[in-house]
């Protein structure tokens, strides 16, 4: 009989071992570990939020910046791909 158990282990790997990046909620201080990709998206979200806020201020009204679409897209990504991190960091 052919032993394929080594394949099943790879298929069930949830990649929890590669969560090496810690991020904290800026209001509550609660932290969570993220993958490098998740951390990159998280950081980009806040960079875009800051830039959008500055653009809105320069324009004189909220919602002027097109960067808000990118902020919303990154928030949506977290709701779909890591709901726990969304709840800890962004909700």
PDB file of N, CA and C in Angstrom:
ATOM      1  N   UNK A   1       0.848  -1.171   0.000  1.00  0.00           N
ATOM      2  CA  UNK A   1       0.000   0.000   0.000  1.00  0.00           C
ATOM      3  C   UNK A   1       0.894   1.235   0.000  1.00  0.00           C
ATOM      4  N   UNK A   2       0.453   2.237  -0.724  1.00  0.00           N
ATOM      5  CA  UNK A   2       1.200   3.477  -0.876  1.00  0.00           C
ATOM      6  C   UNK A   2       0.908   4.421   0.291  1.00  0.00           C
ATOM      7  N   UNK A   3       1.941   4.909   0.942  1.00  0.00           N
ATOM      8  CA  UNK A   3       1.781   5.824   2.083  1.00  0.00           C
ATOM      9  C   UNK A   3       1.815   7.271   1.590  1.00  0.00           C
ATOM     10  N   UNK A   4       0.681   7.943   1.679  1.00  0.00           N
ATOM     11  CA  UNK A   4       0.585   9.340   1.256  1.00  0.00           C
ATOM     12  C   UNK A   4       0.378  10.284   2.436  1.00  0.00           C
ATOM     13  N   UNK A   5       0.651   9.830   3.629  1.00  0.00           N
ATOM     14  CA  UNK A   5       0.398  10.649   4.815  1.00  0.00           C
ATOM     15  C   UNK A   5       1.225  11.932   4.823  1.00  0.00           C
ATOM     16  N   UNK A   6       2.382  11.896   4.207  1.00  0.00           N
ATOM     17  CA  UNK A   6       3.215  13.098   4.174  1.00  0.00           C
ATOM     18  C   UNK A   6       2.552  14.206   3.347  1.00  0.00           C
ATOM     19  N   UNK A   7       1.751  13.844   2.372  1.00  0.00           N
ATOM     20  CA  UNK A   7       1.039  14.830   1.551  1.00  0.00           C
ATOM     21  C   UNK A   7      -0.104  15.448   2.349  1.00  0.00           C
ATOM     22  N   UNK A   8      -0.831  14.629   3.060  1.00  0.00           N
ATOM     23  CA  UNK A   8      -1.973  15.116   3.838  1.00  0.00           C
ATOM     24  C   UNK A   8      -1.518  16.137   4.863  1.00  0.00           C
ATOM     25  N   UNK A   9      -0.389  15.930   5.493  1.00  0.00           N
ATOM     26  CA  UNK A   9       0.129  16.895   6.459  1.00  0.00           C
ATOM     27  C   UNK A   9       0.361  18.244   5.792  1.00  0.00           C
ATOM     28  N   UNK A  10       0.925  18.253   4.597  1.00  0.00           N
ATOM     29  CA  UNK A  10       1.173  19.504   3.885  1.00  0.00           C
ATOM     30  C   UNK A  10      -0.128  20.199   3.510  1.00  0.00           C
ATOM     31  N   UNK A  11      -1.135  19.423   3.157  1.00  0.00           N
ATOM     32  CA  UNK A  11      -2.404  19.996   2.733  1.00  0.00           C
ATOM     33  C   UNK A  11      -3.177  20.581   3.911  1.00  0.00           C
ATOM     34  N   UNK A  12      -2.928  20.106   5.095  1.00  0.00           N
ATOM     35  CA  UNK A  12      -3.664  20.601   6.254  1.00  0.00           C
ATOM     36  C   UNK A  12      -2.888  21.660   7.027  1.00  0.00           C
ATOM     37  N   UNK A  13      -1.715  22.002   6.552  1.00  0.00           N
ATOM     38  CA  UNK A  13      -0.917  23.025   7.226  1.00  0.00           C
ATOM     39  C   UNK A  13      -1.639  24.366   7.146  1.00  0.00           C
ATOM     40  N   UNK A  14      -1.898  24.979   8.282  1.00  0.00           N
ATOM     41  CA  UNK A  14      -2.620  26.256   8.313  1.00  0.00           C
ATOM     42  C   UNK A  14      -1.666  27.454   8.310  1.00  0.00           C
ATOM     43  N   UNK A  15      -0.387  27.222   8.144  1.00  0.00           N
ATOM     44  CA  UNK A  15       0.620  28.275   8.083  1.00  0.00           C
ATOM     45  C   UNK A  15       0.633  29.165   9.324  1.00  0.00           C
ATOM     46  N   UNK A  16       0.308  28.614  10.467  1.00  0.00           N
ATOM     47  CA  UNK A  16       0.352  29.412  11.692  1.00  0.00           C
ATOM     48  C   UNK A  16       1.788  29.618  12.160  1.00  0.00           C
ATOM     49  N   UNK A  17       2.711  28.807  11.630  1.00  0.00           N
ATOM     50  CA  UNK A  17       4.096  28.920  12.056  1.00  0.00           C
ATOM     51  C   UNK A  17       4.819  30.098  11.417  1.00  0.00           C
ATOM     52  N   UNK A  18       4.233  30.732  10.403  1.00  0.00           N
ATOM     53  CA  UNK A  18       4.917  31.841   9.751  1.00  0.00           C
ATOM     54  C   UNK A  18       4.349  33.199  10.152  1.00  0.00           C
ATOM     55  N   UNK A  19       3.634  33.240  11.241  1.00  0.00           N
ATOM     56  CA  UNK A  19       3.113  34.508  11.761  1.00  0.00           C
ATOM     57  C   UNK A  19       4.192  35.105  12.657  1.00  0.00           C
ATOM     58  N   UNK A  20       5.026  35.934  12.051  1.00  0.00           N
ATOM     59  CA  UNK A  20       6.210  36.442  12.736  1.00  0.00           C
ATOM     60  C   UNK A  20       6.152  37.942  13.005  1.00  0.00           C
ATOM     61  N   UNK A  21       5.125  38.602  12.514  1.00  0.00           N
ATOM     62  CA  UNK A  21       5.051  40.057  12.610  1.00  0.00           C
ATOM     63  C   UNK A  21       3.959  40.469  13.603  1.00  0.00           C
ATOM     64  N   UNK A  22       4.341  41.182  14.650  1.00  0.00           N
ATOM     65  CA  UNK A  22       3.363  41.624  15.644  1.00  0.00           C
ATOM     66  C   UNK A  22       2.847  43.015  15.272  1.00  0.00           C
ATOM     67  N   UNK A  23       1.535  43.190  15.373  1.00  0.00           N
ATOM     68  CA  UNK A  23       0.910  44.493  15.185  1.00  0.00           C
ATOM     69  C   UNK A  23      -0.047  44.730  16.339  1.00  0.00           C
ATOM     70  N   UNK A  24      -0.163  46.004  16.755  1.00  0.00           N
ATOM     71  CA  UNK A  24      -1.028  46.357  17.882  1.00  0.00           C
ATOM     72  C   UNK A  24      -2.125  47.305  17.440  1.00  0.00           C
ATOM     73  N   UNK A  25      -3.273  47.169  18.088  1.00  0.00           N
ATOM     74  CA  UNK A  25      -4.366  48.106  17.892  1.00  0.00           C
ATOM     75  C   UNK A  25      -3.949  49.439  18.491  1.00  0.00           C
ATOM     76  N   UNK A  26      -4.069  50.507  17.728  1.00  0.00           N
ATOM     77  CA  UNK A  26      -3.579  51.805  18.188  1.00  0.00           C
ATOM     78  C   UNK A  26      -4.407  52.393  19.314  1.00  0.00           C
ATOM     79  N   UNK A  27      -5.613  51.899  19.511  1.00  0.00           N
ATOM     80  CA  UNK A  27      -6.466  52.413  20.576  1.00  0.00           C
ATOM     81  C   UNK A  27      -6.448  51.532  21.816  1.00  0.00           C
ATOM     82  N   UNK A  28      -6.586  50.222  21.621  1.00  0.00           N
ATOM     83  CA  UNK A  28      -6.686  49.308  22.761  1.00  0.00           C
ATOM     84  C   UNK A  28      -5.344  48.751  23.210  1.00  0.00           C
ATOM     85  N   UNK A  29      -4.354  48.745  22.310  1.00  0.00           N
ATOM     86  CA  UNK A  29      -3.059  48.151  22.623  1.00  0.00           C
ATOM     87  C   UNK A  29      -3.026  46.651  22.459  1.00  0.00           C
ATOM     88  N   UNK A  30      -4.174  46.038  22.148  1.00  0.00           N
ATOM     89  CA  UNK A  30      -4.225  44.588  21.946  1.00  0.00           C
ATOM     90  C   UNK A  30      -3.389  44.226  20.720  1.00  0.00           C
ATOM     91  N   UNK A  31      -2.647  43.125  20.811  1.00  0.00           N
ATOM     92  CA  UNK A  31      -1.762  42.754  19.709  1.00  0.00           C
ATOM     93  C   UNK A  31      -2.140  41.400  19.127  1.00  0.00           C
ATOM     94  N   UNK A  32      -1.634  41.172  17.911  1.00  0.00           N
ATOM     95  CA  UNK A  32      -1.848  39.908  17.222  1.00  0.00           C
ATOM     96  C   UNK A  32      -0.661  39.674  16.296  1.00  0.00           C
ATOM     97  N   UNK A  33      -0.354  38.423  16.069  1.00  0.00           N
ATOM     98  CA  UNK A  33       0.740  38.064  15.170  1.00  0.00           C
ATOM     99  C   UNK A  33       0.191  37.892  13.754  1.00  0.00           C
ATOM    100  N   UNK A  34       0.921  38.430  12.779  1.00  0.00           N
ATOM    101  CA  UNK A  34       0.529  38.365  11.379  1.00  0.00           C
ATOM    102  C   UNK A  34       1.636  37.739  10.549  1.00  0.00           C
ATOM    103  N   UNK A  35       1.272  37.266   9.363  1.00  0.00           N
ATOM    104  CA  UNK A  35       2.279  36.837   8.397  1.00  0.00           C
ATOM    105  C   UNK A  35       2.918  38.091   7.805  1.00  0.00           C
ATOM    106  N   UNK A  36       4.007  37.917   7.085  1.00  0.00           N
ATOM    107  CA  UNK A  36       4.660  39.068   6.447  1.00  0.00           C
ATOM    108  C   UNK A  36       3.717  39.748   5.467  1.00  0.00           C
ATOM    109  N   UNK A  37       2.952  38.969   4.707  1.00  0.00           N
ATOM    110  CA  UNK A  37       1.999  39.540   3.758  1.00  0.00           C
ATOM    111  C   UNK A  37       0.914  40.338   4.489  1.00  0.00           C
ATOM    112  N   UNK A  38       0.370  39.769   5.543  1.00  0.00           N
ATOM    113  CA  UNK A  38      -0.660  40.471   6.319  1.00  0.00           C
ATOM    114  C   UNK A  38      -0.118  41.762   6.926  1.00  0.00           C
ATOM    115  N   UNK A  39       1.107  41.711   7.439  1.00  0.00           N
ATOM    116  CA  UNK A  39       1.723  42.900   8.036  1.00  0.00           C
ATOM    117  C   UNK A  39       1.927  43.985   6.981  1.00  0.00           C
ATOM    118  N   UNK A  40       2.318  43.579   5.793  1.00  0.00           N
ATOM    119  CA  UNK A  40       2.511  44.532   4.697  1.00  0.00           C
ATOM    120  C   UNK A  40       1.185  45.216   4.344  1.00  0.00           C
ATOM    121  N   UNK A  41       0.115  44.451   4.265  1.00  0.00           N
ATOM    122  CA  UNK A  41      -1.206  45.012   3.956  1.00  0.00           C
ATOM    123  C   UNK A  41      -1.667  45.917   5.094  1.00  0.00           C
ATOM    124  N   UNK A  42      -1.462  45.494   6.335  1.00  0.00           N
ATOM    125  CA  UNK A  42      -1.827  46.302   7.503  1.00  0.00           C
ATOM    126  C   UNK A  42      -1.099  47.643   7.473  1.00  0.00           C
ATOM    127  N   UNK A  43       0.204  47.610   7.244  1.00  0.00           N
ATOM    128  CA  UNK A  43       0.998  48.840   7.246  1.00  0.00           C
ATOM    129  C   UNK A  43       0.580  49.759   6.092  1.00  0.00           C
ATOM    130  N   UNK A  44       0.355  49.172   4.923  1.00  0.00           N
ATOM    131  CA  UNK A  44      -0.085  49.947   3.759  1.00  0.00           C
ATOM    132  C   UNK A  44      -1.425  50.627   4.043  1.00  0.00           C
ATOM    133  N   UNK A  45      -2.308  49.920   4.714  1.00  0.00           N
ATOM    134  CA  UNK A  45      -3.617  50.477   5.060  1.00  0.00           C
ATOM    135  C   UNK A  45      -3.452  51.767   5.859  1.00  0.00           C
ATOM    136  N   UNK A  46      -2.583  51.744   6.880  1.00  0.00           N
ATOM    137  CA  UNK A  46      -2.419  52.920   7.727  1.00  0.00           C
ATOM    138  C   UNK A  46      -1.628  54.031   7.046  1.00  0.00           C
ATOM    139  N   UNK A  47      -0.698  53.684   6.186  1.00  0.00           N
ATOM    140  CA  UNK A  47       0.011  54.701   5.401  1.00  0.00           C
ATOM    141  C   UNK A  47      -0.975  55.409   4.477  1.00  0.00           C
ATOM    142  N   UNK A  48      -1.828  54.633   3.810  1.00  0.00           N
ATOM    143  CA  UNK A  48      -2.831  55.227   2.929  1.00  0.00           C
ATOM    144  C   UNK A  48      -3.860  56.045   3.706  1.00  0.00           C
ATOM    145  N   UNK A  49      -4.210  55.587   4.902  1.00  0.00           N
ATOM    146  CA  UNK A  49      -5.157  56.347   5.721  1.00  0.00           C
ATOM    147  C   UNK A  49      -4.579  57.714   6.083  1.00  0.00           C
ATOM    148  N   UNK A  50      -3.311  57.740   6.481  1.00  0.00           N
ATOM    149  CA  UNK A  50      -2.669  58.999   6.825  1.00  0.00           C
ATOM    150  C   UNK A  50      -2.604  59.927   5.608  1.00  0.00           C
ATOM    151  N   UNK A  51      -2.175  59.385   4.466  1.00  0.00           N
ATOM    152  CA  UNK A  51      -2.068  60.192   3.253  1.00  0.00           C
ATOM    153  C   UNK A  51      -3.440  60.709   2.821  1.00  0.00           C
ATOM    154  N   UNK A  52      -4.469  59.882   2.919  1.00  0.00           N
ATOM    155  CA  UNK A  52      -5.821  60.294   2.543  1.00  0.00           C
ATOM    156  C   UNK A  52      -6.328  61.392   3.469  1.00  0.00           C
ATOM    157  N   UNK A  53      -6.037  61.264   4.749  1.00  0.00           N
ATOM    158  CA  UNK A  53      -6.447  62.287   5.717  1.00  0.00           C
ATOM    159  C   UNK A  53      -5.781  63.621   5.400  1.00  0.00           C
ATOM    160  N   UNK A  54      -4.494  63.583   5.067  1.00  0.00           N
ATOM    161  CA  UNK A  54      -3.782  64.814   4.709  1.00  0.00           C
ATOM    162  C   UNK A  54      -4.329  65.423   3.416  1.00  0.00           C
ATOM    163  N   UNK A  55      -4.643  64.572   2.430  1.00  0.00           N
ATOM    164  CA  UNK A  55      -5.226  65.068   1.181  1.00  0.00           C
ATOM    165  C   UNK A  55      -6.594  65.693   1.428  1.00  0.00           C
ATOM    166  N   UNK A  56      -7.395  65.066   2.283  1.00  0.00           N
ATOM    167  CA  UNK A  56      -8.714  65.618   2.626  1.00  0.00           C
ATOM    168  C   UNK A  56      -8.568  66.986   3.285  1.00  0.00           C
ATOM    169  N   UNK A  57      -7.596  67.094   4.181  1.00  0.00           N
ATOM    170  CA  UNK A  57      -7.378  68.366   4.882  1.00  0.00           C
ATOM    171  C   UNK A  57      -6.975  69.459   3.897  1.00  0.00           C
ATOM    172  N   UNK A  58      -6.102  69.119   2.962  1.00  0.00           N
ATOM    173  CA  UNK A  58      -5.667  70.093   1.957  1.00  0.00           C
ATOM    174  C   UNK A  58      -6.823  70.503   1.047  1.00  0.00           C
ATOM    175  N   UNK A  59      -7.711  69.562   0.744  1.00  0.00           N
ATOM    176  CA  UNK A  59      -8.858  69.853  -0.123  1.00  0.00           C
ATOM    177  C   UNK A  59      -9.955  70.602   0.625  1.00  0.00           C
ATOM    178  N   UNK A  60      -9.947  70.504   1.940  1.00  0.00           N
ATOM    179  CA  UNK A  60     -10.925  71.210   2.741  1.00  0.00           C
ATOM    180  C   UNK A  60     -12.202  70.453   3.024  1.00  0.00           C
ATOM    181  N   UNK A  61     -12.250  69.171   2.646  1.00  0.00           N
ATOM    182  CA  UNK A  61     -13.435  68.377   2.965  1.00  0.00           C
ATOM    183  C   UNK A  61     -13.083  66.892   3.030  1.00  0.00           C
ATOM    184  N   UNK A  62     -13.835  66.168   3.851  1.00  0.00           N
ATOM    185  CA  UNK A  62     -13.623  64.725   4.021  1.00  0.00           C
ATOM    186  C   UNK A  62     -14.061  63.964   2.779  1.00  0.00           C
ATOM    187  N   UNK A  63     -13.300  62.929   2.446  1.00  0.00           N
ATOM    188  CA  UNK A  63     -13.651  62.062   1.324  1.00  0.00           C
ATOM    189  C   UNK A  63     -13.092  62.523  -0.004  1.00  0.00           C
ATOM    190  N   UNK A  64     -12.278  63.554   0.000  1.00  0.00           N
ATOM    191  CA  UNK A  64     -11.720  64.081  -1.247  1.00  0.00           C
ATOM    192  C   UNK A  64     -10.686  63.134  -1.854  1.00  0.00           C
ATOM    193  N   UNK A  65      -9.934  62.449  -1.008  1.00  0.00           N
ATOM    194  CA  UNK A  65      -8.836  61.616  -1.487  1.00  0.00           C
ATOM    195  C   UNK A  65      -9.340  60.316  -2.106  1.00  0.00           C
ATOM    196  N   UNK A  66      -8.720  59.947  -3.204  1.00  0.00           N
ATOM    197  CA  UNK A  66      -9.018  58.658  -3.845  1.00  0.00           C
ATOM    198  C   UNK A  66      -8.350  57.499  -3.100  1.00  0.00           C
ATOM    199  N   UNK A  67      -7.464  57.818  -2.161  1.00  0.00           N
ATOM    200  CA  UNK A  67      -6.800  56.776  -1.378  1.00  0.00           C
ATOM    201  C   UNK A  67      -7.756  56.051  -0.442  1.00  0.00           C
ATOM    202  N   UNK A  68      -8.900  56.657  -0.130  1.00  0.00           N
ATOM    203  CA  UNK A  68      -9.872  55.980   0.737  1.00  0.00           C
ATOM    204  C   UNK A  68     -10.336  54.669   0.119  1.00  0.00           C
ATOM    205  N   UNK A  69     -10.362  54.582  -1.214  1.00  0.00           N
ATOM    206  CA  UNK A  69     -10.732  53.323  -1.873  1.00  0.00           C
ATOM    207  C   UNK A  69      -9.709  52.231  -1.551  1.00  0.00           C
ATOM    208  N   UNK A  70      -8.436  52.606  -1.511  1.00  0.00           N
ATOM    209  CA  UNK A  70      -7.392  51.634  -1.170  1.00  0.00           C
ATOM    210  C   UNK A  70      -7.490  51.219   0.294  1.00  0.00           C
ATOM    211  N   UNK A  71      -7.797  52.175   1.166  1.00  0.00           N
ATOM    212  CA  UNK A  71      -7.977  51.864   2.587  1.00  0.00           C
ATOM    213  C   UNK A  71      -9.115  50.865   2.751  1.00  0.00           C
ATOM    214  N   UNK A  72     -10.246  51.141   2.114  1.00  0.00           N
ATOM    215  CA  UNK A  72     -11.403  50.232   2.212  1.00  0.00           C
ATOM    216  C   UNK A  72     -11.085  48.858   1.624  1.00  0.00           C
ATOM    217  N   UNK A  73     -10.328  48.815   0.533  1.00  0.00           N
ATOM    218  CA  UNK A  73      -9.962  47.534  -0.081  1.00  0.00           C
ATOM    219  C   UNK A  73      -9.101  46.697   0.872  1.00  0.00           C
ATOM    220  N   UNK A  74      -8.165  47.335   1.567  1.00  0.00           N
ATOM    221  CA  UNK A  74      -7.322  46.594   2.508  1.00  0.00           C
ATOM    222  C   UNK A  74      -8.118  46.137   3.732  1.00  0.00           C
ATOM    223  N   UNK A  75      -9.051  46.951   4.190  1.00  0.00           N
ATOM    224  CA  UNK A  75      -9.922  46.520   5.293  1.00  0.00           C
ATOM    225  C   UNK A  75     -10.751  45.317   4.853  1.00  0.00           C
ATOM    226  N   UNK A  76     -11.292  45.383   3.651  1.00  0.00           N
ATOM    227  CA  UNK A  76     -12.082  44.261   3.119  1.00  0.00           C
ATOM    228  C   UNK A  76     -11.234  43.008   2.994  1.00  0.00           C
ATOM    229  N   UNK A  77      -9.967  43.160   2.601  1.00  0.00           N
ATOM    230  CA  UNK A  77      -9.078  42.007   2.488  1.00  0.00           C
ATOM    231  C   UNK A  77      -8.972  41.308   3.839  1.00  0.00           C
ATOM    232  N   UNK A  78      -8.795  42.083   4.906  1.00  0.00           N
ATOM    233  CA  UNK A  78      -8.691  41.482   6.236  1.00  0.00           C
ATOM    234  C   UNK A  78      -9.991  40.799   6.641  1.00  0.00           C
ATOM    235  N   UNK A  79     -11.136  41.371   6.313  1.00  0.00           N
ATOM    236  CA  UNK A  79     -12.394  40.729   6.698  1.00  0.00           C
ATOM    237  C   UNK A  79     -12.544  39.374   6.009  1.00  0.00           C
ATOM    238  N   UNK A  80     -11.996  39.240   4.824  1.00  0.00           N
ATOM    239  CA  UNK A  80     -12.112  37.974   4.075  1.00  0.00           C
ATOM    240  C   UNK A  80     -11.023  36.972   4.430  1.00  0.00           C
ATOM    241  N   UNK A  81      -9.804  37.445   4.684  1.00  0.00           N
ATOM    242  CA  UNK A  81      -8.675  36.531   4.828  1.00  0.00           C
ATOM    243  C   UNK A  81      -8.189  36.311   6.259  1.00  0.00           C
ATOM    244  N   UNK A  82      -8.461  37.247   7.152  1.00  0.00           N
ATOM    245  CA  UNK A  82      -8.065  37.056   8.548  1.00  0.00           C
ATOM    246  C   UNK A  82      -9.010  37.863   9.429  1.00  0.00           C
ATOM    247  N   UNK A  83     -10.185  37.311   9.624  1.00  0.00           N
ATOM    248  CA  UNK A  83     -11.229  37.999  10.382  1.00  0.00           C
ATOM    249  C   UNK A  83     -10.796  38.275  11.821  1.00  0.00           C
ATOM    250  N   UNK A  84     -10.010  37.385  12.404  1.00  0.00           N
ATOM    251  CA  UNK A  84      -9.552  37.597  13.777  1.00  0.00           C
ATOM    252  C   UNK A  84      -8.674  38.842  13.852  1.00  0.00           C
ATOM    253  N   UNK A  85      -7.746  38.977  12.921  1.00  0.00           N
ATOM    254  CA  UNK A  85      -6.882  40.165  12.908  1.00  0.00           C
ATOM    255  C   UNK A  85      -7.700  41.418  12.662  1.00  0.00           C
ATOM    256  N   UNK A  86      -8.710  41.321  11.812  1.00  0.00           N
ATOM    257  CA  UNK A  86      -9.593  42.466  11.588  1.00  0.00           C
ATOM    258  C   UNK A  86     -10.246  42.897  12.897  1.00  0.00           C
ATOM    259  N   UNK A  87     -10.770  41.929  13.649  1.00  0.00           N
ATOM    260  CA  UNK A  87     -11.455  42.231  14.902  1.00  0.00           C
ATOM    261  C   UNK A  87     -10.500  42.847  15.930  1.00  0.00           C
ATOM    262  N   UNK A  88      -9.277  42.366  15.969  1.00  0.00           N
ATOM    263  CA  UNK A  88      -8.308  42.862  16.953  1.00  0.00           C
ATOM    264  C   UNK A  88      -7.758  44.234  16.541  1.00  0.00           C
ATOM    265  N   UNK A  89      -7.424  44.396  15.266  1.00  0.00           N
ATOM    266  CA  UNK A  89      -6.689  45.582  14.838  1.00  0.00           C
ATOM    267  C   UNK A  89      -7.544  46.695  14.248  1.00  0.00           C
ATOM    268  N   UNK A  90      -8.632  46.335  13.601  1.00  0.00           N
ATOM    269  CA  UNK A  90      -9.313  47.324  12.762  1.00  0.00           C
ATOM    270  C   UNK A  90     -10.756  47.601  13.142  1.00  0.00           C
ATOM    271  N   UNK A  91     -11.370  46.745  13.917  1.00  0.00           N
ATOM    272  CA  UNK A  91     -12.788  46.910  14.235  1.00  0.00           C
ATOM    273  C   UNK A  91     -12.989  47.874  15.372  1.00  0.00           C
TER     274      UNK A  91
END
